[in-house]
Amino acid sequence: MDEPLSEKPSDELERMMAETEACLAELRHEVQRRRQTAQSIEIDNLETHLKEARVKWGELKRFFEIVLQELRR
């Protein structure tokens, strides 16, 4: 069973802190890498997203043209 922190020697606590800080640094690096990867993927797909958006805006425009024609009758 682990001894309570209050009973551990200071050098052991410092070692534990160093390990924890190293682990946190690795985690931060991995999170940053994943964010950059996701962002790069979205940037690579930006042209496709824009094309799809234009098509959808075009469909919306046609819809409103039909609605206006119906209202003018």
PDB file of N, CA and C in Angstrom:
ATOM      1  N   MET A   1       0.851  -1.180   0.000  1.00  0.00           N
ATOM      2  CA  MET A   1       0.000   0.000   0.000  1.00  0.00           C
ATOM      3  C   MET A   1       0.898   1.245   0.000  1.00  0.00           C
ATOM      4  N   ASP A   2       0.484   2.254  -0.738  1.00  0.00           N
ATOM      5  CA  ASP A   2       1.267   3.493  -0.803  1.00  0.00           C
ATOM      6  C   ASP A   2       1.195   4.251   0.510  1.00  0.00           C
ATOM      7  N   GLU A   3       2.337   4.821   0.850  1.00  0.00           N
ATOM      8  CA  GLU A   3       2.366   5.644   2.055  1.00  0.00           C
ATOM      9  C   GLU A   3       1.775   7.012   1.746  1.00  0.00           C
ATOM     10  N   PRO A   4       1.200   7.696   2.718  1.00  0.00           N
ATOM     11  CA  PRO A   4       0.639   9.032   2.482  1.00  0.00           C
ATOM     12  C   PRO A   4       1.734   9.995   2.040  1.00  0.00           C
ATOM     13  N   LEU A   5       1.342  11.003   1.288  1.00  0.00           N
ATOM     14  CA  LEU A   5       2.310  11.988   0.796  1.00  0.00           C
ATOM     15  C   LEU A   5       3.075  12.646   1.938  1.00  0.00           C
ATOM     16  N   SER A   6       2.411  12.857   3.045  1.00  0.00           N
ATOM     17  CA  SER A   6       3.058  13.528   4.180  1.00  0.00           C
ATOM     18  C   SER A   6       4.222  12.715   4.741  1.00  0.00           C
ATOM     19  N   GLU A   7       4.265  11.422   4.430  1.00  0.00           N
ATOM     20  CA  GLU A   7       5.330  10.567   4.948  1.00  0.00           C
ATOM     21  C   GLU A   7       6.424  10.312   3.910  1.00  0.00           C
ATOM     22  N   LYS A   8       6.230  10.752   2.682  1.00  0.00           N
ATOM     23  CA  LYS A   8       7.237  10.530   1.644  1.00  0.00           C
ATOM     24  C   LYS A   8       8.364  11.546   1.784  1.00  0.00           C
ATOM     25  N   PRO A   9       9.585  11.140   1.487  1.00  0.00           N
ATOM     26  CA  PRO A   9      10.699  12.091   1.532  1.00  0.00           C
ATOM     27  C   PRO A   9      10.540  13.157   0.445  1.00  0.00           C
ATOM     28  N   SER A  10      11.112  14.311   0.680  1.00  0.00           N
ATOM     29  CA  SER A  10      10.988  15.425  -0.251  1.00  0.00           C
ATOM     30  C   SER A  10      11.531  15.087  -1.633  1.00  0.00           C
ATOM     31  N   ASP A  11      12.638  14.357  -1.685  1.00  0.00           N
ATOM     32  CA  ASP A  11      13.196  14.018  -2.999  1.00  0.00           C
ATOM     33  C   ASP A  11      12.256  13.115  -3.788  1.00  0.00           C
ATOM     34  N   GLU A  12      11.522  12.272  -3.100  1.00  0.00           N
ATOM     35  CA  GLU A  12      10.526  11.422  -3.764  1.00  0.00           C
ATOM     36  C   GLU A  12       9.376  12.267  -4.304  1.00  0.00           C
ATOM     37  N   LEU A  13       8.939  13.247  -3.521  1.00  0.00           N
ATOM     38  CA  LEU A  13       7.874  14.149  -3.971  1.00  0.00           C
ATOM     39  C   LEU A  13       8.340  14.955  -5.184  1.00  0.00           C
ATOM     40  N   GLU A  14       9.568  15.426  -5.155  1.00  0.00           N
ATOM     41  CA  GLU A  14      10.100  16.171  -6.291  1.00  0.00           C
ATOM     42  C   GLU A  14      10.186  15.291  -7.543  1.00  0.00           C
ATOM     43  N   ARG A  15      10.573  14.024  -7.359  1.00  0.00           N
ATOM     44  CA  ARG A  15      10.607  13.096  -8.488  1.00  0.00           C
ATOM     45  C   ARG A  15       9.207  12.888  -9.057  1.00  0.00           C
ATOM     46  N   MET A  16       8.241  12.740  -8.162  1.00  0.00           N
ATOM     47  CA  MET A  16       6.853  12.553  -8.599  1.00  0.00           C
ATOM     48  C   MET A  16       6.359  13.788  -9.361  1.00  0.00           C
ATOM     49  N   MET A  17       6.710  14.979  -8.866  1.00  0.00           N
ATOM     50  CA  MET A  17       6.299  16.209  -9.549  1.00  0.00           C
ATOM     51  C   MET A  17       6.941  16.294 -10.937  1.00  0.00           C
ATOM     52  N   ALA A  18       8.216  15.937 -11.028  1.00  0.00           N
ATOM     53  CA  ALA A  18       8.909  15.984 -12.317  1.00  0.00           C
ATOM     54  C   ALA A  18       8.259  15.023 -13.310  1.00  0.00           C
ATOM     55  N   GLU A  19       7.923  13.814 -12.846  1.00  0.00           N
ATOM     56  CA  GLU A  19       7.246  12.838 -13.716  1.00  0.00           C
ATOM     57  C   GLU A  19       5.882  13.374 -14.166  1.00  0.00           C
ATOM     58  N   THR A  20       5.160  13.976 -13.234  1.00  0.00           N
ATOM     59  CA  THR A  20       3.841  14.523 -13.545  1.00  0.00           C
ATOM     60  C   THR A  20       3.944  15.657 -14.549  1.00  0.00           C
ATOM     61  N   GLU A  21       4.917  16.546 -14.343  1.00  0.00           N
ATOM     62  CA  GLU A  21       5.115  17.659 -15.273  1.00  0.00           C
ATOM     63  C   GLU A  21       5.510  17.160 -16.659  1.00  0.00           C
ATOM     64  N   ALA A  22       6.352  16.129 -16.719  1.00  0.00           N
ATOM     65  CA  ALA A  22       6.743  15.555 -18.013  1.00  0.00           C
ATOM     66  C   ALA A  22       5.541  14.933 -18.711  1.00  0.00           C
ATOM     67  N   CYS A  23       4.716  14.244 -17.940  1.00  0.00           N
ATOM     68  CA  CYS A  23       3.506  13.638 -18.502  1.00  0.00           C
ATOM     69  C   CYS A  23       2.552  14.718 -19.014  1.00  0.00           C
ATOM     70  N   LEU A  24       2.379  15.790 -18.246  1.00  0.00           N
ATOM     71  CA  LEU A  24       1.521  16.895 -18.669  1.00  0.00           C
ATOM     72  C   LEU A  24       2.051  17.548 -19.944  1.00  0.00           C
ATOM     73  N   ALA A  25       3.359  17.702 -20.033  1.00  0.00           N
ATOM     74  CA  ALA A  25       3.962  18.287 -21.237  1.00  0.00           C
ATOM     75  C   ALA A  25       3.673  17.409 -22.450  1.00  0.00           C
ATOM     76  N   GLU A  26       3.791  16.097 -22.275  1.00  0.00           N
ATOM     77  CA  GLU A  26       3.475  15.172 -23.374  1.00  0.00           C
ATOM     78  C   GLU A  26       2.012  15.270 -23.774  1.00  0.00           C
ATOM     79  N   LEU A  27       1.140  15.334 -22.780  1.00  0.00           N
ATOM     80  CA  LEU A  27      -0.296  15.446 -23.060  1.00  0.00           C
ATOM     81  C   LEU A  27      -0.615  16.745 -23.797  1.00  0.00           C
ATOM     82  N   ARG A  28      -0.022  17.853 -23.337  1.00  0.00           N
ATOM     83  CA  ARG A  28      -0.250  19.136 -24.005  1.00  0.00           C
ATOM     84  C   ARG A  28       0.240  19.086 -25.454  1.00  0.00           C
ATOM     85  N   HIS A  29       1.408  18.490 -25.651  1.00  0.00           N
ATOM     86  CA  HIS A  29       1.958  18.370 -27.003  1.00  0.00           C
ATOM     87  C   HIS A  29       1.022  17.544 -27.891  1.00  0.00           C
ATOM     88  N   GLU A  30       0.506  16.448 -27.367  1.00  0.00           N
ATOM     89  CA  GLU A  30      -0.388  15.591 -28.146  1.00  0.00           C
ATOM     90  C   GLU A  30      -1.693  16.307 -28.481  1.00  0.00           C
ATOM     91  N   VAL A  31      -2.254  17.026 -27.521  1.00  0.00           N
ATOM     92  CA  VAL A  31      -3.481  17.783 -27.775  1.00  0.00           C
ATOM     93  C   VAL A  31      -3.231  18.837 -28.850  1.00  0.00           C
ATOM     94  N   GLN A  32      -2.113  19.537 -28.762  1.00  0.00           N
ATOM     95  CA  GLN A  32      -1.774  20.553 -29.752  1.00  0.00           C
ATOM     96  C   GLN A  32      -1.585  19.920 -31.139  1.00  0.00           C
ATOM     97  N   ARG A  33      -0.912  18.770 -31.171  1.00  0.00           N
ATOM     98  CA  ARG A  33      -0.703  18.081 -32.448  1.00  0.00           C
ATOM     99  C   ARG A  33      -2.040  17.690 -33.068  1.00  0.00           C
ATOM    100  N   ARG A  34      -2.941  17.169 -32.257  1.00  0.00           N
ATOM    101  CA  ARG A  34      -4.254  16.761 -32.772  1.00  0.00           C
ATOM    102  C   ARG A  34      -5.055  17.962 -33.272  1.00  0.00           C
ATOM    103  N   ARG A  35      -4.985  19.070 -32.550  1.00  0.00           N
ATOM    104  CA  ARG A  35      -5.692  20.282 -32.989  1.00  0.00           C
ATOM    105  C   ARG A  35      -5.135  20.770 -34.320  1.00  0.00           C
ATOM    106  N   GLN A  36      -3.814  20.757 -34.442  1.00  0.00           N
ATOM    107  CA  GLN A  36      -3.197  21.202 -35.687  1.00  0.00           C
ATOM    108  C   GLN A  36      -3.554  20.272 -36.843  1.00  0.00           C
ATOM    109  N   THR A  37      -3.575  18.966 -36.567  1.00  0.00           N
ATOM    110  CA  THR A  37      -3.952  18.000 -37.599  1.00  0.00           C
ATOM    111  C   THR A  37      -5.395  18.226 -38.042  1.00  0.00           C
ATOM    112  N   ALA A  38      -6.297  18.394 -37.082  1.00  0.00           N
ATOM    113  CA  ALA A  38      -7.705  18.628 -37.408  1.00  0.00           C
ATOM    114  C   ALA A  38      -7.866  19.923 -38.186  1.00  0.00           C
ATOM    115  N   GLN A  39      -7.135  20.947 -37.785  1.00  0.00           N
ATOM    116  CA  GLN A  39      -7.207  22.230 -38.472  1.00  0.00           C
ATOM    117  C   GLN A  39      -6.674  22.106 -39.896  1.00  0.00           C
ATOM    118  N   SER A  40      -5.585  21.373 -40.072  1.00  0.00           N
ATOM    119  CA  SER A  40      -5.022  21.168 -41.410  1.00  0.00           C
ATOM    120  C   SER A  40      -6.002  20.421 -42.316  1.00  0.00           C
ATOM    121  N   ILE A  41      -6.672  19.434 -41.754  1.00  0.00           N
ATOM    122  CA  ILE A  41      -7.664  18.674 -42.529  1.00  0.00           C
ATOM    123  C   ILE A  41      -8.792  19.598 -42.970  1.00  0.00           C
ATOM    124  N   GLU A  42      -9.272  20.429 -42.056  1.00  0.00           N
ATOM    125  CA  GLU A  42     -10.352  21.356 -42.403  1.00  0.00           C
ATOM    126  C   GLU A  42      -9.896  22.359 -43.457  1.00  0.00           C
ATOM    127  N   ILE A  43      -8.668  22.847 -43.343  1.00  0.00           N
ATOM    128  CA  ILE A  43      -8.155  23.783 -44.348  1.00  0.00           C
ATOM    129  C   ILE A  43      -8.045  23.088 -45.700  1.00  0.00           C
ATOM    130  N   ASP A  44      -7.565  21.837 -45.689  1.00  0.00           N
ATOM    131  CA  ASP A  44      -7.463  21.077 -46.939  1.00  0.00           C
ATOM    132  C   ASP A  44      -8.830  20.864 -47.583  1.00  0.00           C
ATOM    133  N   ASN A  45      -9.864  20.748 -46.751  1.00  0.00           N
ATOM    134  CA  ASN A  45     -11.218  20.507 -47.254  1.00  0.00           C
ATOM    135  C   ASN A  45     -12.012  21.791 -47.446  1.00  0.00           C
ATOM    136  N   LEU A  46     -11.384  22.930 -47.229  1.00  0.00           N
ATOM    137  CA  LEU A  46     -12.092  24.209 -47.301  1.00  0.00           C
ATOM    138  C   LEU A  46     -12.723  24.430 -48.668  1.00  0.00           C
ATOM    139  N   GLU A  47     -11.998  24.117 -49.731  1.00  0.00           N
ATOM    140  CA  GLU A  47     -12.545  24.320 -51.078  1.00  0.00           C
ATOM    141  C   GLU A  47     -13.815  23.488 -51.272  1.00  0.00           C
ATOM    142  N   THR A  48     -13.778  22.251 -50.806  1.00  0.00           N
ATOM    143  CA  THR A  48     -14.963  21.390 -50.909  1.00  0.00           C
ATOM    144  C   THR A  48     -16.112  21.975 -50.099  1.00  0.00           C
ATOM    145  N   HIS A  49     -15.818  22.432 -48.881  1.00  0.00           N
ATOM    146  CA  HIS A  49     -16.864  23.019 -48.044  1.00  0.00           C
ATOM    147  C   HIS A  49     -17.471  24.250 -48.722  1.00  0.00           C
ATOM    148  N   LEU A  50     -16.625  25.067 -49.314  1.00  0.00           N
ATOM    149  CA  LEU A  50     -17.123  26.273 -49.979  1.00  0.00           C
ATOM    150  C   LEU A  50     -17.980  25.920 -51.189  1.00  0.00           C
ATOM    151  N   LYS A  51     -17.559  24.917 -51.946  1.00  0.00           N
ATOM    152  CA  LYS A  51     -18.365  24.491 -53.097  1.00  0.00           C
ATOM    153  C   LYS A  51     -19.734  24.006 -52.637  1.00  0.00           C
ATOM    154  N   GLU A  52     -19.750  23.216 -51.569  1.00  0.00           N
ATOM    155  CA  GLU A  52     -21.019  22.714 -51.044  1.00  0.00           C
ATOM    156  C   GLU A  52     -21.876  23.860 -50.529  1.00  0.00           C
ATOM    157  N   ALA A  53     -21.261  24.822 -49.902  1.00  0.00           N
ATOM    158  CA  ALA A  53     -22.010  25.967 -49.390  1.00  0.00           C
ATOM    159  C   ALA A  53     -22.634  26.752 -50.537  1.00  0.00           C
ATOM    160  N   ARG A  54     -21.873  26.925 -51.616  1.00  0.00           N
ATOM    161  CA  ARG A  54     -22.424  27.651 -52.770  1.00  0.00           C
ATOM    162  C   ARG A  54     -23.629  26.922 -53.345  1.00  0.00           C
ATOM    163  N   VAL A  55     -23.528  25.616 -53.445  1.00  0.00           N
ATOM    164  CA  VAL A  55     -24.646  24.836 -53.975  1.00  0.00           C
ATOM    165  C   VAL A  55     -25.866  25.023 -53.079  1.00  0.00           C
ATOM    166  N   LYS A  56     -25.672  24.978 -51.804  1.00  0.00           N
ATOM    167  CA  LYS A  56     -26.781  25.136 -50.876  1.00  0.00           C
ATOM    168  C   LYS A  56     -27.354  26.550 -50.944  1.00  0.00           C
ATOM    169  N   TRP A  57     -26.502  27.562 -51.091  1.00  0.00           N
ATOM    170  CA  TRP A  57     -26.996  28.927 -51.224  1.00  0.00           C
ATOM    171  C   TRP A  57     -27.749  29.078 -52.538  1.00  0.00           C
ATOM    172  N   GLY A  58     -27.262  28.403 -53.564  1.00  0.00           N
ATOM    173  CA  GLY A  58     -27.964  28.440 -54.847  1.00  0.00           C
ATOM    174  C   GLY A  58     -29.344  27.819 -54.745  1.00  0.00           C
ATOM    175  N   GLU A  59     -29.427  26.717 -54.016  1.00  0.00           N
ATOM    176  CA  GLU A  59     -30.726  26.068 -53.809  1.00  0.00           C
ATOM    177  C   GLU A  59     -31.653  26.978 -53.011  1.00  0.00           C
ATOM    178  N   LEU A  60     -31.126  27.646 -52.012  1.00  0.00           N
ATOM    179  CA  LEU A  60     -31.933  28.569 -51.217  1.00  0.00           C
ATOM    180  C   LEU A  60     -32.422  29.728 -52.076  1.00  0.00           C
ATOM    181  N   LYS A  61     -31.552  30.240 -52.932  1.00  0.00           N
ATOM    182  CA  LYS A  61     -31.939  31.330 -53.827  1.00  0.00           C
ATOM    183  C   LYS A  61     -33.078  30.881 -54.749  1.00  0.00           C
ATOM    184  N   ARG A  62     -32.950  29.685 -55.329  1.00  0.00           N
ATOM    185  CA  ARG A  62     -34.018  29.169 -56.206  1.00  0.00           C
ATOM    186  C   ARG A  62     -35.328  29.017 -55.435  1.00  0.00           C
ATOM    187  N   PHE A  63     -35.230  28.552 -54.189  1.00  0.00           N
ATOM    188  CA  PHE A  63     -36.417  28.407 -53.365  1.00  0.00           C
ATOM    189  C   PHE A  63     -37.119  29.754 -53.187  1.00  0.00           C
ATOM    190  N   PHE A  64     -36.358  30.797 -52.858  1.00  0.00           N
ATOM    191  CA  PHE A  64     -36.959  32.113 -52.663  1.00  0.00           C
ATOM    192  C   PHE A  64     -37.522  32.679 -53.963  1.00  0.00           C
ATOM    193  N   GLU A  65     -36.884  32.390 -55.071  1.00  0.00           N
ATOM    194  CA  GLU A  65     -37.424  32.835 -56.367  1.00  0.00           C
ATOM    195  C   GLU A  65     -38.785  32.211 -56.617  1.00  0.00           C
ATOM    196  N   ILE A  66     -38.907  30.929 -56.281  1.00  0.00           N
ATOM    197  CA  ILE A  66     -40.199  30.240 -56.450  1.00  0.00           C
ATOM    198  C   ILE A  66     -41.237  30.825 -55.519  1.00  0.00           C
ATOM    199  N   VAL A  67     -40.851  31.071 -54.271  1.00  0.00           N
ATOM    200  CA  VAL A  67     -41.770  31.662 -53.298  1.00  0.00           C
ATOM    201  C   VAL A  67     -42.234  33.026 -53.770  1.00  0.00           C
ATOM    202  N   LEU A  68     -41.321  33.855 -54.257  1.00  0.00           N
ATOM    203  CA  LEU A  68     -41.695  35.185 -54.756  1.00  0.00           C
ATOM    204  C   LEU A  68     -42.647  35.087 -55.949  1.00  0.00           C
ATOM    205  N   GLN A  69     -42.396  34.148 -56.842  1.00  0.00           N
ATOM    206  CA  GLN A  69     -43.285  33.961 -57.992  1.00  0.00           C
ATOM    207  C   GLN A  69     -44.685  33.578 -57.513  1.00  0.00           C
ATOM    208  N   GLU A  70     -44.746  32.700 -56.520  1.00  0.00           N
ATOM    209  CA  GLU A  70     -46.041  32.272 -56.001  1.00  0.00           C
ATOM    210  C   GLU A  70     -46.766  33.436 -55.314  1.00  0.00           C
ATOM    211  N   LEU A  71     -46.035  34.265 -54.608  1.00  0.00           N
ATOM    212  CA  LEU A  71     -46.646  35.396 -53.906  1.00  0.00           C
ATOM    213  C   LEU A  71     -47.165  36.458 -54.891  1.00  0.00           C
ATOM    214  N   ARG A  72     -46.528  36.576 -56.023  1.00  0.00           N
ATOM    215  CA  ARG A  72     -46.924  37.593 -57.021  1.00  0.00           C
ATOM    216  C   ARG A  72     -48.173  37.165 -57.793  1.00  0.00           C
ATOM    217  N   ARG A  73     -48.569  35.934 -57.727  1.00  0.00           N
ATOM    218  CA  ARG A  73     -49.757  35.456 -58.461  1.00  0.00           C
ATOM    219  C   ARG A  73     -51.017  35.969 -57.880  1.00  0.00           C
TER     220      ARG A  73
END
